[in-house]
C-alpha atoms as a PDB file:
ATOM      1  CA  MET A   1     -17.913  -4.402  15.781  1.00  0.00           C
ATOM      2  CA  CYS A   2     -21.162  -3.212  17.797  1.00  0.00           C
ATOM      3  CA  SER A   3     -19.809  -1.611  20.963  1.00  0.00           C
ATOM      4  CA  THR A   4     -21.047   1.107  23.155  1.00  0.00           C
ATOM      5  CA  LYS A   5     -17.892   2.389  24.170  1.00  0.00           C
ATOM      6  CA  SER A   6     -15.846   5.488  22.727  1.00  0.00           C
ATOM      7  CA  ILE A   7     -12.485   5.835  22.273  1.00  0.00           C
ATOM      8  CA  ASP A   8     -12.787   8.400  25.396  1.00  0.00           C
ATOM      9  CA  ASP A   9     -14.188   5.884  27.394  1.00  0.00           C
ATOM     10  CA  ILE A  10     -11.283   3.702  26.380  1.00  0.00           C
ATOM     11  CA  PHE A  11      -8.582   6.027  27.700  1.00  0.00           C
ATOM     12  CA  GLU A  12     -10.501   6.927  30.618  1.00  0.00           C
ATOM     13  CA  GLY A  13      -8.203   7.315  33.606  1.00  0.00           C
ATOM     14  CA  LYS A  14      -5.148   6.499  31.830  1.00  0.00           C
ATOM     15  CA  SER A  15      -2.288   8.742  32.451  1.00  0.00           C
ATOM     16  CA  GLU A  16      -1.935  12.052  30.199  1.00  0.00           C
ATOM     17  CA  ASN A  17       1.195  10.273  28.879  1.00  0.00           C
ATOM     18  CA  LEU A  18      -0.474   7.476  27.351  1.00  0.00           C
ATOM     19  CA  ILE A  19      -3.147   9.440  25.687  1.00  0.00           C
ATOM     20  CA  LEU A  20      -0.985  12.057  24.079  1.00  0.00           C
ATOM     21  CA  ALA A  21       1.409   8.641  22.690  1.00  0.00           C
ATOM     22  CA  PHE A  22      -2.182   7.402  21.148  1.00  0.00           C
ATOM     23  CA  ASP A  23      -3.256  11.103  20.023  1.00  0.00           C
ATOM     24  CA  GLN A  24       0.549  10.842  18.474  1.00  0.00           C
ATOM     25  CA  VAL A  25      -0.072   7.629  16.555  1.00  0.00           C
ATOM     26  CA  LEU A  26      -3.900   8.231  15.269  1.00  0.00           C
ATOM     27  CA  ILE A  27      -2.002  11.769  13.692  1.00  0.00           C
ATOM     28  CA  GLY A  28       0.566   9.886  12.094  1.00  0.00           C
ATOM     29  CA  VAL A  29      -2.105   7.223  10.446  1.00  0.00           C
ATOM     30  CA  ILE A  30      -5.395   8.876   9.760  1.00  0.00           C
ATOM     31  CA  ASP A  31      -4.977  10.369   6.421  1.00  0.00           C
ATOM     32  CA  TRP A  32      -3.784   6.687   5.123  1.00  0.00           C
ATOM     33  CA  GLU A  33      -7.000   6.476   2.792  1.00  0.00           C
ATOM     34  CA  PRO A  34      -9.340   3.986   3.525  1.00  0.00           C
ATOM     35  CA  CYS A  35      -8.964   3.921   7.135  1.00  0.00           C
ATOM     36  CA  THR A  36     -12.277   4.005   9.960  1.00  0.00           C
ATOM     37  CA  VAL A  37     -11.419   4.383  13.461  1.00  0.00           C
ATOM     38  CA  GLY A  38     -13.273   2.380  16.293  1.00  0.00           C
ATOM     39  CA  ALA A  39     -14.029   1.678  19.532  1.00  0.00           C
ATOM     40  CA  SER A  40     -14.417  -2.315  20.901  1.00  0.00           C
ATOM     41  CA  THR A  41     -14.435  -3.401  24.529  1.00  0.00           C
ATOM     42  CA  ASN A  42     -11.015  -1.969  25.934  1.00  0.00           C
ATOM     43  CA  THR A  43      -9.541  -1.955  22.155  1.00  0.00           C
ATOM     44  CA  VAL A  44      -9.272   1.024  19.366  1.00  0.00           C
ATOM     45  CA  ILE A  45      -9.446  -0.613  15.550  1.00  0.00           C
ATOM     46  CA  PHE A  46      -8.464   0.720  12.816  1.00  0.00           C
ATOM     47  CA  THR A  47      -9.669  -0.872   9.720  1.00  0.00           C
ATOM     48  CA  LYS A  48      -9.044  -0.940   5.896  1.00  0.00           C
ATOM     49  CA  GLU A  49     -10.737  -3.888   4.040  1.00  0.00           C
ATOM     50  CA  LYS A  50     -10.153  -5.796   7.520  1.00  0.00           C
ATOM     51  CA  ALA A  51      -9.046  -4.804  10.807  1.00  0.00           C
ATOM     52  CA  TRP A  52      -4.806  -4.354  10.630  1.00  0.00           C
ATOM     53  CA  LEU A  53      -3.975  -2.088  13.846  1.00  0.00           C
ATOM     54  CA  ILE A  54      -4.980  -1.934  17.661  1.00  0.00           C
ATOM     55  CA  ILE A  55      -4.712  -0.290  20.302  1.00  0.00           C
ATOM     56  CA  ARG A  56      -4.772  -1.782  23.464  1.00  0.00           C
ATOM     57  CA  PRO A  57      -4.594   0.706  26.672  1.00  0.00           C
ATOM     58  CA  MET A  58      -2.508  -0.953  29.527  1.00  0.00           C
ATOM     59  CA  SER A  59      -1.865   0.710  33.207  1.00  0.00           C
ATOM     60  CA  LYS A  60       1.445   1.828  32.143  1.00  0.00           C
ATOM     61  CA  GLN A  61       1.676   1.546  28.091  1.00  0.00           C
ATOM     62  CA  ILE A  62       0.123   1.148  24.811  1.00  0.00           C
ATOM     63  CA  ASP A  63      -0.258  -2.381  23.040  1.00  0.00           C
ATOM     64  CA  ILE A  64      -0.124  -1.388  19.606  1.00  0.00           C
ATOM     65  CA  LYS A  65      -0.487  -4.408  17.394  1.00  0.00           C
ATOM     66  CA  PHE A  66      -0.776  -4.535  13.709  1.00  0.00           C
ATOM     67  CA  TYR A  67      -0.983  -7.785  11.008  1.00  0.00           C
ATOM     68  CA  HIS A  68       1.102  -8.472   8.396  1.00  0.00           C
ATOM     69  CA  PRO A  69       0.586 -11.861   6.654  1.00  0.00           C
ATOM     70  CA  THR A  70       4.907 -12.041   7.162  1.00  0.00           C
ATOM     71  CA  LYS A  71       6.759 -11.971  10.091  1.00  0.00           C
ATOM     72  CA  ILE A  72       8.283  -8.240  10.547  1.00  0.00           C
ATOM     73  CA  ASP A  73      12.029  -8.539  12.460  1.00  0.00           C
ATOM     74  CA  HIS A  74      12.266  -5.314  13.774  1.00  0.00           C
ATOM     75  CA  ARG A  75      13.565  -4.272  17.185  1.00  0.00           C
ATOM     76  CA  LEU A  76      10.438  -2.201  18.276  1.00  0.00           C
ATOM     77  CA  VAL A  77       8.413  -5.219  17.849  1.00  0.00           C
ATOM     78  CA  LYS A  78       8.646  -7.062  21.175  1.00  0.00           C
ATOM     79  CA  LYS A  79       6.248  -9.764  20.365  1.00  0.00           C
ATOM     80  CA  THR A  80       4.976 -11.859  18.056  1.00  0.00           C
ATOM     81  CA  ALA A  81       2.247 -14.221  17.510  1.00  0.00           C
ATOM     82  CA  HIS A  82       0.791 -16.603  14.291  1.00  0.00           C
ATOM     83  CA  TYR A  83      -3.024 -16.888  13.849  1.00  0.00           C
ATOM     84  CA  GLY A  84      -3.642 -18.584  10.783  1.00  0.00           C
ATOM     85  CA  ASN A  85      -2.452 -16.874   7.440  1.00  0.00           C
ATOM     86  CA  LYS A  86      -1.228 -13.431   9.412  1.00  0.00           C
ATOM     87  CA  PHE A  87       1.165 -12.545  12.320  1.00  0.00           C
ATOM     88  CA  ALA A  88       0.089  -9.796  14.480  1.00  0.00           C
ATOM     89  CA  HIS A  89       3.434  -7.633  15.648  1.00  0.00           C
ATOM     90  CA  HIS A  90       3.002  -5.953  19.629  1.00  0.00           C
ATOM     91  CA  ILE A  91       4.981  -2.135  19.656  1.00  0.00           C
ATOM     92  CA  ARG A  92       4.737  -1.338  23.147  1.00  0.00           C
ATOM     93  CA  ILE A  93       5.145   2.419  23.916  1.00  0.00           C
ATOM     94  CA  SER A  94       5.140   4.824  27.591  1.00  0.00           C
ATOM     95  CA  ASP A  95       5.097   7.908  25.629  1.00  0.00           C
ATOM     96  CA  GLU A  96       4.554  10.818  22.057  1.00  0.00           C
ATOM     97  CA  SER A  97       8.233  10.380  22.517  1.00  0.00           C
ATOM     98  CA  GLU A  98       8.643   6.793  20.835  1.00  0.00           C
ATOM     99  CA  VAL A  99       5.837   7.972  18.516  1.00  0.00           C
ATOM    100  CA  THR A 100       8.306   8.164  15.657  1.00  0.00           C
ATOM    101  CA  THR A 101       9.381   7.657  11.796  1.00  0.00           C
ATOM    102  CA  GLU A 102      10.235   4.737  12.308  1.00  0.00           C
ATOM    103  CA  LEU A 103       7.437   3.225  14.101  1.00  0.00           C
ATOM    104  CA  LEU A 104       5.048   4.790  11.933  1.00  0.00           C
ATOM    105  CA  ASN A 105       6.863   3.382   8.866  1.00  0.00           C
ATOM    106  CA  LEU A 106       6.384  -0.596  10.027  1.00  0.00           C
ATOM    107  CA  LEU A 107       2.773   0.543  10.735  1.00  0.00           C
ATOM    108  CA  ARG A 108       3.067   1.775   7.096  1.00  0.00           C
ATOM    109  CA  ILE A 109       4.307  -2.167   6.384  1.00  0.00           C
ATOM    110  CA  GLY A 110       1.399  -3.282   8.190  1.00  0.00           C
ATOM    111  CA  TYR A 111      -1.562  -1.243   6.547  1.00  0.00           C
ATOM    112  CA  ASP A 112      -0.542  -1.300   2.534  1.00  0.00           C
ATOM    113  CA  ALA A 113      -0.818  -5.043   3.088  1.00  0.00           C
ATOM    114  CA  TYR A 114      -4.180  -5.456   4.039  1.00  0.00           C
END
């Protein structure tokens, strides 16, 4: 996606808690190879061969959306939407303490699927 925004632009004006939460997610997944990270209009997009993770900062939370070919029922998943041949799973966090091994393991399931 082409965008003139940077990741810093997307988090401009957001609370320190949200920035630190994003940083923890980034640290948790950035070493998964291959993985590229880029900014879109109002989201941060992580791609492998396809987009597998999209992070959107909101006013008080970060929406973490990962894709998987099947629906995953898990207590951290707040919402699931079906898009053609995949499901989008939404997780919401408010601060860095919520970026746990359990959350990163869920994201890894999405990463491994794509």
